[in-house]
Protein backbone atom coordinates (compact mmCIF):
# COMPACT_ATOMS: atom_id res chain seq x y z
CA ILE A 1 5.97 -0.11 -12.50
CA TYR A 2 8.14 1.88 -15.31
CA VAL A 3 6.22 0.55 -18.38
CA LEU A 4 2.53 0.74 -16.91
CA ILE A 5 2.57 3.42 -13.82
CA LEU A 6 5.70 5.77 -14.84
CA LYS A 7 5.39 5.89 -18.71
CA PRO A 8 1.84 6.34 -18.63
CA SER A 9 1.92 9.06 -15.81
CA SER A 10 4.74 11.25 -17.64
CA ASP A 11 3.03 11.34 -20.79
CA LEU A 12 -0.23 12.21 -18.97
CA ILE A 13 2.03 15.18 -17.20
CA GLU A 14 3.39 16.27 -20.18
CA LEU A 15 -0.08 16.28 -22.70
CA ALA A 16 -2.01 18.13 -19.38
CA LYS A 17 0.79 21.15 -19.75
CA LYS A 18 0.15 21.33 -23.37
CA GLU A 19 -3.65 21.41 -23.15
CA ASP A 20 -3.51 23.73 -19.98
CA ALA A 21 -5.65 20.69 -18.24
CA PRO A 22 -4.64 21.75 -14.07
CA VAL A 23 -6.54 18.74 -13.23
CA TYR A 24 -4.57 16.29 -14.95
CA LEU A 25 -1.40 17.62 -14.40
CA ALA A 26 -2.44 17.46 -10.74
CA ILE A 27 -3.81 13.67 -11.06
CA GLY A 28 -0.42 12.96 -13.06
CA LYS A 29 1.82 14.03 -10.52
CA ILE A 30 0.18 11.84 -8.03
CA LEU A 31 0.24 8.73 -9.90
CA ASN A 32 3.83 9.41 -11.31
CA THR A 33 4.47 9.29 -7.19
CA ILE A 34 3.01 6.57 -6.87
CA GLY A 35 4.97 4.87 -9.07
CA ILE A 36 8.43 5.94 -8.12
CA GLY A 37 7.53 5.42 -4.40
CA ILE A 38 6.86 1.72 -5.46
CA ALA A 39 10.23 1.31 -7.13
CA THR A 40 12.34 3.27 -4.78
CA SER A 41 10.70 1.00 -1.40
CA ILE A 42 11.55 -2.21 -3.68
CA TRP A 43 15.38 -1.08 -5.23
CA GLY A 44 16.41 2.05 -2.93
CA ASP A 45 18.13 4.07 -5.78
CA VAL A 46 16.62 4.28 -9.34
CA PRO A 47 16.29 6.17 -12.74
CA TYR A 48 13.77 8.89 -12.27
CA SER A 49 15.05 12.44 -13.53
CA GLN A 50 16.42 10.60 -17.02
CA ILE A 51 13.31 8.38 -17.63
CA ASN A 52 11.33 10.46 -20.22
CA ASN A 53 13.87 10.99 -22.56
CA PRO A 54 15.30 7.47 -23.92
CA ASN A 55 16.67 9.14 -26.86
CA LEU A 56 18.81 11.84 -24.98
CA TYR A 57 19.36 9.48 -21.95
CA PRO A 58 19.51 5.71 -23.22
CA ASN A 59 21.54 5.08 -20.24
CA PRO A 60 19.79 6.72 -17.29
CA VAL A 61 21.52 7.72 -14.17
CA PHE A 62 20.14 6.32 -10.87
CA ASP A 63 18.87 9.18 -9.03
CA THR A 64 19.46 8.79 -4.94
CA GLN A 65 16.48 7.90 -2.86
CA GLU A 66 17.11 10.76 -0.49
CA SER A 67 16.76 12.69 -3.77
CA ILE A 68 13.59 11.13 -5.12
CA TYR A 69 11.85 11.51 -1.52
CA GLY A 70 12.18 15.57 -2.21
CA LYS A 71 10.95 14.89 -5.94
CA MET A 72 7.88 13.11 -4.59
CA LEU A 73 7.11 15.30 -1.64
CA ASN A 74 7.41 18.17 -4.35
CA ASN A 75 5.24 16.71 -6.67
CA LEU A 76 2.81 16.24 -4.21
CA ASN A 77 2.96 20.03 -3.37
CA GLU A 78 2.70 20.93 -6.27
CA ALA A 79 -0.59 18.65 -6.64
CA ILE A 80 -1.77 20.12 -3.94
CA ASN A 81 -1.47 23.18 -5.35
CA LEU A 82 -2.93 22.70 -8.68
CA LEU A 83 -6.28 21.31 -7.21
CA ASN A 84 -6.49 24.36 -5.29
CA GLU A 85 -6.06 26.73 -8.15
CA VAL A 86 -8.76 24.70 -10.32
CA ASN A 87 -11.60 26.80 -11.99
CA ALA A 88 -14.97 25.10 -13.53
CA THR A 89 -13.39 26.45 -16.83
CA GLY A 90 -10.27 23.98 -16.65
CA VAL A 91 -10.60 20.67 -18.62
CA LEU A 92 -12.29 18.67 -16.22
CA PRO A 93 -12.07 14.34 -15.84
CA LYS A 94 -15.12 12.29 -15.51
CA GLY A 95 -15.22 9.00 -17.43
CA ASP A 96 -11.63 8.82 -17.87
CA ASP A 97 -10.89 8.86 -14.11
CA PHE A 98 -11.55 5.37 -13.26
CA ILE A 99 -10.53 5.96 -9.73
CA PHE A 100 -12.56 9.28 -8.46
CA ASN A 101 -14.51 10.15 -11.73
CA GLY A 102 -12.83 13.52 -11.59
CA ASN A 103 -13.49 14.58 -7.60
CA THR A 104 -10.88 16.83 -6.96
CA VAL A 105 -11.42 17.01 -3.33
CA LYS A 106 -10.82 12.83 -3.05
CA TRP A 107 -7.67 13.28 -5.71
CA GLN A 108 -6.18 16.13 -2.82
CA LYS A 109 -6.89 14.22 0.01
CA THR A 110 -5.38 11.34 -1.75
CA ALA A 111 -1.94 13.74 -2.21
CA TYR A 112 -1.88 14.14 1.28
CA ALA A 113 -2.47 10.61 2.44
CA LEU A 114 0.63 9.88 0.55
CA LYS A 115 2.58 12.36 2.00
CA ALA A 116 1.92 11.34 5.58
CA ARG A 117 2.86 7.61 4.35
CA TYR A 118 6.22 9.12 2.72
CA PHE A 119 7.06 11.18 6.17
CA MET A 120 6.43 7.76 8.22
CA HIS A 121 9.25 6.28 5.82
CA LEU A 122 11.31 9.02 7.27
CA VAL A 123 10.90 8.65 10.87
CA LYS A 124 14.07 6.32 11.38
CA ILE A 125 16.21 9.35 10.13
CA ASN A 126 14.51 12.02 12.14
CA GLU A 127 11.30 11.89 14.75
CA ALA A 128 10.37 15.39 13.50
CA TYR A 129 8.77 13.38 10.54
CA TYR A 130 5.75 12.22 12.98
CA ASP A 131 5.04 15.86 13.16
CA SER A 132 4.99 16.17 9.29
CA ALA A 133 3.14 13.01 8.96
CA GLN A 134 0.36 14.53 11.77
CA ASN A 135 0.61 18.01 9.49
CA ALA A 136 -0.50 15.80 6.47
CA LEU A 137 -3.13 13.53 7.93
CA ASN A 138 -4.97 16.44 9.16
CA TYR A 139 -5.82 16.90 5.53
CA ALA A 140 -6.13 13.32 4.52
CA TYR A 141 -9.54 11.17 4.48
CA LYS A 142 -11.86 11.04 6.81
CA SER A 143 -13.72 7.66 5.83
CA ASN A 144 -13.59 4.57 3.63
CA GLU A 145 -15.53 6.68 1.22
CA ASP A 146 -12.34 8.70 0.22
CA ASN A 147 -10.08 5.36 -0.87
CA CYS A 148 -8.16 5.31 -3.28
CA LEU A 149 -8.81 2.16 -4.72
CA ILE A 150 -8.03 0.70 -8.39
CA ARG A 151 -10.73 -1.32 -10.11
CA PHE A 152 -10.96 -4.27 -12.46
CA GLN A 153 -13.15 -5.21 -15.10
CA ASN A 154 -14.98 -8.53 -16.13
CA GLY A 155 -13.93 -8.89 -19.34
CA GLN A 156 -10.66 -9.45 -21.39
CA PRO A 157 -7.26 -10.65 -19.04
CA GLU A 158 -5.75 -7.51 -19.57
CA VAL A 159 -8.65 -6.00 -17.70
CA GLN A 160 -9.61 -7.97 -15.09
CA ALA A 161 -7.82 -8.53 -11.59
CA PRO A 162 -4.39 -10.07 -11.86
CA LEU A 163 -4.74 -11.98 -8.94
CA TYR A 164 -8.10 -13.64 -10.42
CA LEU A 165 -5.66 -14.77 -13.10
CA GLU A 166 -3.16 -16.13 -11.03
CA ARG A 167 -5.99 -17.89 -8.86
CA THR A 168 -7.36 -19.52 -12.15
CA THR A 169 -4.41 -19.71 -14.75
CA THR A 170 -1.14 -20.13 -13.58
CA ARG A 171 -1.48 -20.68 -9.74
CA ASP A 172 2.23 -20.06 -8.65
CA THR A 173 1.81 -18.30 -5.60
CA GLU A 174 -0.88 -18.86 -2.66
CA VAL A 175 -1.81 -17.37 0.64
CA ASP A 176 1.14 -17.71 3.76
CA PRO A 177 0.13 -21.04 5.67
CA VAL A 178 1.37 -18.96 8.88
CA PHE A 179 -0.53 -15.88 7.61
CA GLY A 180 -3.70 -18.13 7.38
CA SER A 181 -3.44 -19.74 10.50
CA LEU A 182 -2.86 -16.88 12.29
CA LEU A 183 -6.08 -15.60 10.70
CA GLN A 184 -8.07 -18.76 11.18
CA LYS A 185 -6.68 -20.39 14.28
CA THR A 186 -5.07 -17.82 16.70
CA LEU A 187 -7.45 -14.34 16.22
CA LYS A 188 -10.51 -16.07 14.46
CA ASP A 189 -10.58 -12.83 12.20
CA PRO A 190 -13.51 -12.05 10.12
CA ARG A 191 -11.32 -11.32 6.75
CA GLU A 192 -9.74 -15.04 6.69
CA LYS A 193 -12.40 -16.08 4.29
CA PHE A 194 -12.21 -12.95 2.18
CA TYR A 195 -8.42 -13.16 1.82
CA SER A 196 -8.18 -16.72 1.41
CA LEU A 197 -9.88 -20.05 0.59
CA VAL A 198 -8.32 -23.35 1.10
CA SER A 199 -8.94 -25.60 -2.15
CA SER A 200 -7.58 -29.40 -2.65
CA SER A 201 -7.00 -31.38 -5.55
CA LEU A 202 -5.33 -34.95 -6.15
CA TYR A 203 -2.63 -33.41 -7.86
CA SER A 204 -1.53 -30.08 -6.09
CA GLY A 205 -3.05 -31.05 -2.49
CA THR A 206 -4.45 -28.34 0.06
CA ARG A 207 -3.40 -24.79 -0.78
CA ALA A 208 -4.71 -21.41 0.35
CA GLN A 209 -5.73 -19.97 -2.80
CA TYR A 210 -6.74 -15.92 -3.13
CA GLY A 211 -10.23 -15.11 -1.66
CA PRO A 212 -12.98 -13.70 -3.41
CA LEU A 213 -12.32 -9.85 -2.51
CA TYR A 214 -9.14 -9.10 -4.22
CA ALA A 215 -9.38 -12.37 -6.77
CA MET A 216 -12.57 -12.16 -8.45
CA PRO A 217 -12.46 -10.78 -12.25
CA ASP A 218 -13.85 -7.63 -11.04
CA SER A 219 -12.06 -6.91 -7.81
CA TYR A 220 -10.39 -4.10 -6.41
CA PHE A 221 -7.04 -3.05 -5.37
CA PRO A 222 -6.17 -0.41 -2.85
CA ILE A 223 -3.36 1.85 -3.42
CA ILE A 224 -3.63 3.94 -0.10
CA THR A 225 -6.88 4.13 2.29
CA TYR A 226 -8.67 5.59 5.33
CA GLU A 227 -7.54 2.37 7.08
CA GLU A 228 -3.76 3.05 6.74
CA GLY A 229 -3.83 6.86 7.80
CA GLN A 230 -5.72 5.85 10.88
CA PHE A 231 -3.11 3.32 11.84
CA LEU A 232 -0.59 6.23 11.14
CA GLN A 233 -2.22 8.25 13.65
CA THR A 234 -2.06 4.80 15.85
CA GLU A 235 1.40 4.94 15.70
CA ILE A 236 2.18 8.71 16.21
CA ALA A 237 -0.37 8.73 19.28
CA MET A 238 1.25 5.80 20.86
CA LYS A 239 4.55 7.63 20.23
CA LYS A 240 4.01 11.00 21.58
CA GLY A 241 0.52 10.04 24.05
CA GLY A 242 0.85 6.23 24.64
CA LYS A 243 -1.69 3.39 25.02
CA ILE A 244 -5.04 4.75 25.88
CA ALA A 245 -4.58 7.85 23.34
CA ALA A 246 -3.54 5.21 20.48
CA GLU A 247 -6.24 2.83 21.24
CA VAL A 248 -8.79 4.97 19.90
CA TYR A 249 -6.89 5.47 16.70
CA LEU A 250 -6.77 1.63 16.27
CA LYS A 251 -10.09 0.70 17.21
CA GLU A 252 -10.98 3.18 14.41
CA ALA A 253 -8.46 1.69 11.82
CA MET A 254 -9.90 -1.60 12.47
CA MET A 255 -13.30 -0.65 11.80
CA ALA A 256 -12.55 0.91 8.71
CA SER A 257 -10.60 -2.29 7.58
CA LEU A 258 -13.22 -4.72 8.63
CA ALA A 259 -15.93 -2.45 6.91
CA ARG A 260 -14.13 -2.58 4.00
CA VAL A 261 -13.07 -6.19 3.58
CA CYS A 262 -16.19 -7.98 5.54
CA LYS A 263 -19.10 -5.73 5.34
CA ASN A 264 -20.58 -6.53 1.67
CA PRO A 265 -20.44 -10.41 0.36
CA ALA A 266 -17.38 -11.14 -1.89
CA GLY A 267 -17.23 -13.71 -4.84
CA SER A 268 -20.13 -15.23 -6.60
CA ALA A 269 -23.03 -17.42 -5.53
CA ASP A 270 -22.78 -19.52 -8.01
CA SER A 271 -20.00 -20.23 -8.47
CA VAL A 272 -18.15 -23.41 -9.04
CA ASN A 273 -15.59 -23.05 -6.89
CA LYS A 274 -17.58 -22.07 -3.78
CA ASN A 275 -15.68 -18.50 -3.27
CA TYR A 276 -18.93 -16.95 -2.37
CA VAL A 277 -18.50 -14.89 1.25
CA ALA A 278 -21.03 -13.68 2.70
CA ALA A 279 -21.05 -10.24 4.63
CA ILE A 280 -20.27 -10.42 8.71
CA PRO A 281 -23.10 -8.87 10.64
CA ASP A 282 -21.75 -5.36 12.84
CA SER A 283 -22.19 -7.20 15.77
CA ILE A 284 -19.32 -9.50 15.25
CA LEU A 285 -16.96 -7.01 13.58
CA THR A 286 -17.35 -4.68 16.89
CA GLN A 287 -16.58 -8.14 19.30
CA TYR A 288 -13.57 -8.77 17.28
CA ILE A 289 -12.51 -4.74 17.71
CA GLU A 290 -13.05 -4.85 21.36
CA GLN A 291 -11.19 -8.49 21.90
CA ARG A 292 -8.78 -7.50 19.77
CA GLY A 293 -8.14 -3.74 19.69
CA THR A 294 -8.21 -3.15 23.66
CA ILE A 295 -4.05 -2.53 24.12
CA SER A 296 -4.47 0.10 26.92
CA SER A 297 -3.89 -2.78 29.49
CA LEU A 298 -1.27 -4.35 27.84
CA SER A 299 2.55 -3.90 28.27
CA ASP A 300 4.13 -1.16 25.62
CA GLU A 301 5.43 -3.54 23.95
CA ASP A 302 2.47 -5.95 23.57
CA ALA A 303 0.77 -2.62 22.36
CA TRP A 304 3.34 -2.09 19.77
CA LYS A 305 2.93 -5.94 18.19
CA THR A 306 -0.57 -5.38 18.43
CA ILE A 307 -0.92 -2.56 16.44
CA PHE A 308 1.53 -3.82 13.85
CA GLN A 309 -0.27 -7.23 13.60
CA GLN A 310 -3.55 -5.33 12.74
CA LYS A 311 -1.41 -3.28 10.44
CA TYR A 312 -0.43 -6.52 8.59
CA ILE A 313 -3.81 -7.83 8.66
CA ALA A 314 -5.29 -4.92 7.20
CA LEU A 315 -3.14 -4.07 4.51
CA PHE A 316 -3.16 -7.92 3.02
CA LEU A 317 -0.40 -8.04 0.40
CA GLN A 318 0.35 -4.12 0.09
CA LEU A 319 3.98 -3.22 -0.03
CA GLU A 320 3.59 -0.88 3.37
CA ILE A 321 4.36 -3.53 5.30
CA TRP A 322 7.57 -4.33 4.39
CA ASN A 323 8.04 -0.55 4.67
CA ASP A 324 6.74 -0.92 8.37
CA TYR A 325 8.75 -3.87 8.83
CA ARG A 326 12.13 -2.32 7.93
CA ARG A 327 11.52 0.99 9.52
CA THR A 328 10.49 -0.11 13.09
CA GLU A 329 13.35 -2.17 14.19
CA LYS A 330 14.37 -0.15 17.11
CA TYR A 331 10.13 -0.45 18.46
CA VAL A 332 10.56 -3.04 20.38
CA SER A 333 13.82 -4.24 21.98
CA ASP A 334 13.69 -7.70 21.11
CA ILE A 335 12.49 -8.20 17.56
CA LYS A 336 14.10 -7.05 14.00
CA GLY A 337 10.81 -5.09 12.97
CA LEU A 338 6.83 -4.78 13.16
CA PRO A 339 4.81 -6.55 12.32
CA VAL A 340 6.58 -10.07 14.14
CA ILE A 341 7.64 -12.16 11.17
CA LYS A 342 10.15 -15.23 11.12
CA PRO A 343 11.57 -15.99 8.09
CA ARG A 344 11.25 -18.47 6.22
CA ASP A 345 15.05 -19.78 5.19
CA GLY A 346 17.60 -18.25 7.84
CA ASN A 347 17.27 -15.53 10.38
CA GLN A 348 16.55 -12.44 8.42
CA LEU A 349 14.10 -11.04 6.01
CA PRO A 350 15.17 -8.94 2.68
CA ARG A 351 15.66 -5.24 2.96
CA ARG A 352 15.58 -4.72 -0.68
CA TYR A 353 15.72 -6.08 -3.93
CA SER A 354 18.21 -6.73 -6.27
CA TYR A 355 18.41 -4.77 -9.69
CA SER A 356 17.11 -6.94 -12.31
CA GLY A 357 19.76 -8.31 -15.10
CA ASN A 358 18.72 -6.36 -17.90
CA GLU A 359 19.44 -3.38 -16.08
CA ILE A 360 23.03 -4.23 -14.81
CA ASN A 361 23.80 -5.49 -18.47
CA PHE A 362 22.72 -2.86 -20.73
CA ASN A 363 22.36 0.60 -18.62
CA LYS A 364 25.61 1.81 -18.55
CA ASN A 365 24.95 3.98 -15.24
CA ALA A 366 23.57 1.07 -13.38
CA PRO A 367 25.81 0.78 -9.86
CA PRO A 368 27.12 -2.89 -8.76
CA ASN A 369 24.04 -4.73 -7.92
CA PRO A 370 23.28 -4.95 -3.71
CA GLY A 371 22.86 -7.98 -1.96
CA ILE A 372 19.05 -8.01 -0.62
CA PHE A 373 19.88 -7.57 3.15
CA GLU A 374 21.72 -4.25 2.33
CA ARG A 375 19.91 -1.69 3.37
CA ILE A 376 18.49 1.28 1.11
CA TRP A 377 19.03 5.08 2.13
CA TRP A 378 16.23 5.55 5.10
CA ASP A 379 16.78 1.82 6.41
CA VAL A 380 19.14 3.54 9.03
CA PRO A 381 20.80 0.69 11.48
């Protein structure tokens, strides 16, 4: 996170200031916010304000998560304002912008979408943040065409999709069989084969490897999407208007996810691994949405569970599901968070990561290492 996101984005910010390049400056601030947003979601308090000058700050202090969220939201507001003020004579990105190819409107929508995400992290502290998130969503993504995706390339390992390298070389991880069973057997979800392909061998037995959507050399991976925004809209509508209002947004969120995942074939038709998956017809996708997305007749408890189960499926492998689980423990009385996930061992899921040994051993300002069940700032009991 620090080497591959925060350092390059910080360098971009400084260079953009020197070159008077407001669009690059805005993009740098957005990417920097994404990076620190990942870090603070995982560890809570982390170094941030002193990380760009190792000579002056060889032992950077750990900023509080509360202060980091303030800086993140300020970064996004500054980026939005910069993109509002851009004129045609400024230095504009084109081919060097691998996400939006210099489309400033989509970058601005991304900043608003991220604001909505981060405001929703804070609703456990104060429910007024539902309104803040809604205000941001009003200016965020309007369709899948706006999605912020990182696209990998078929070539050298350093530019290929990480999950392709995992699937074809190390094979240290696999798709959770409980998740696979939920999609394949319980829900008969059309996304199942795009996410996971079962393979078997004499030595490793049967395994659910990553499917062709994210595990081909030139696959993409979502950073933030229209469907995520629609799931946030669903949650806000459920809180403020009830199941009938929420159902409209839920079905739109599901369609956005199903369209992104299933409307185009994935994999290689001539692959020796037989990982090709054909596009799914619209009629099947629509039928699935009606079967699984109709919540108006359910109890409130089952409606909440359905909303977050569908978000869990849509945001497969994305960090926001863990954030959802930690911030929704009061939504349904008999569970500890949404989506409903049972730990493999013990009776609770981790609520944070511990700091690395290097950070604890070599940064004199590192705090005592917290346990994985300790809560981060916004995860109030």
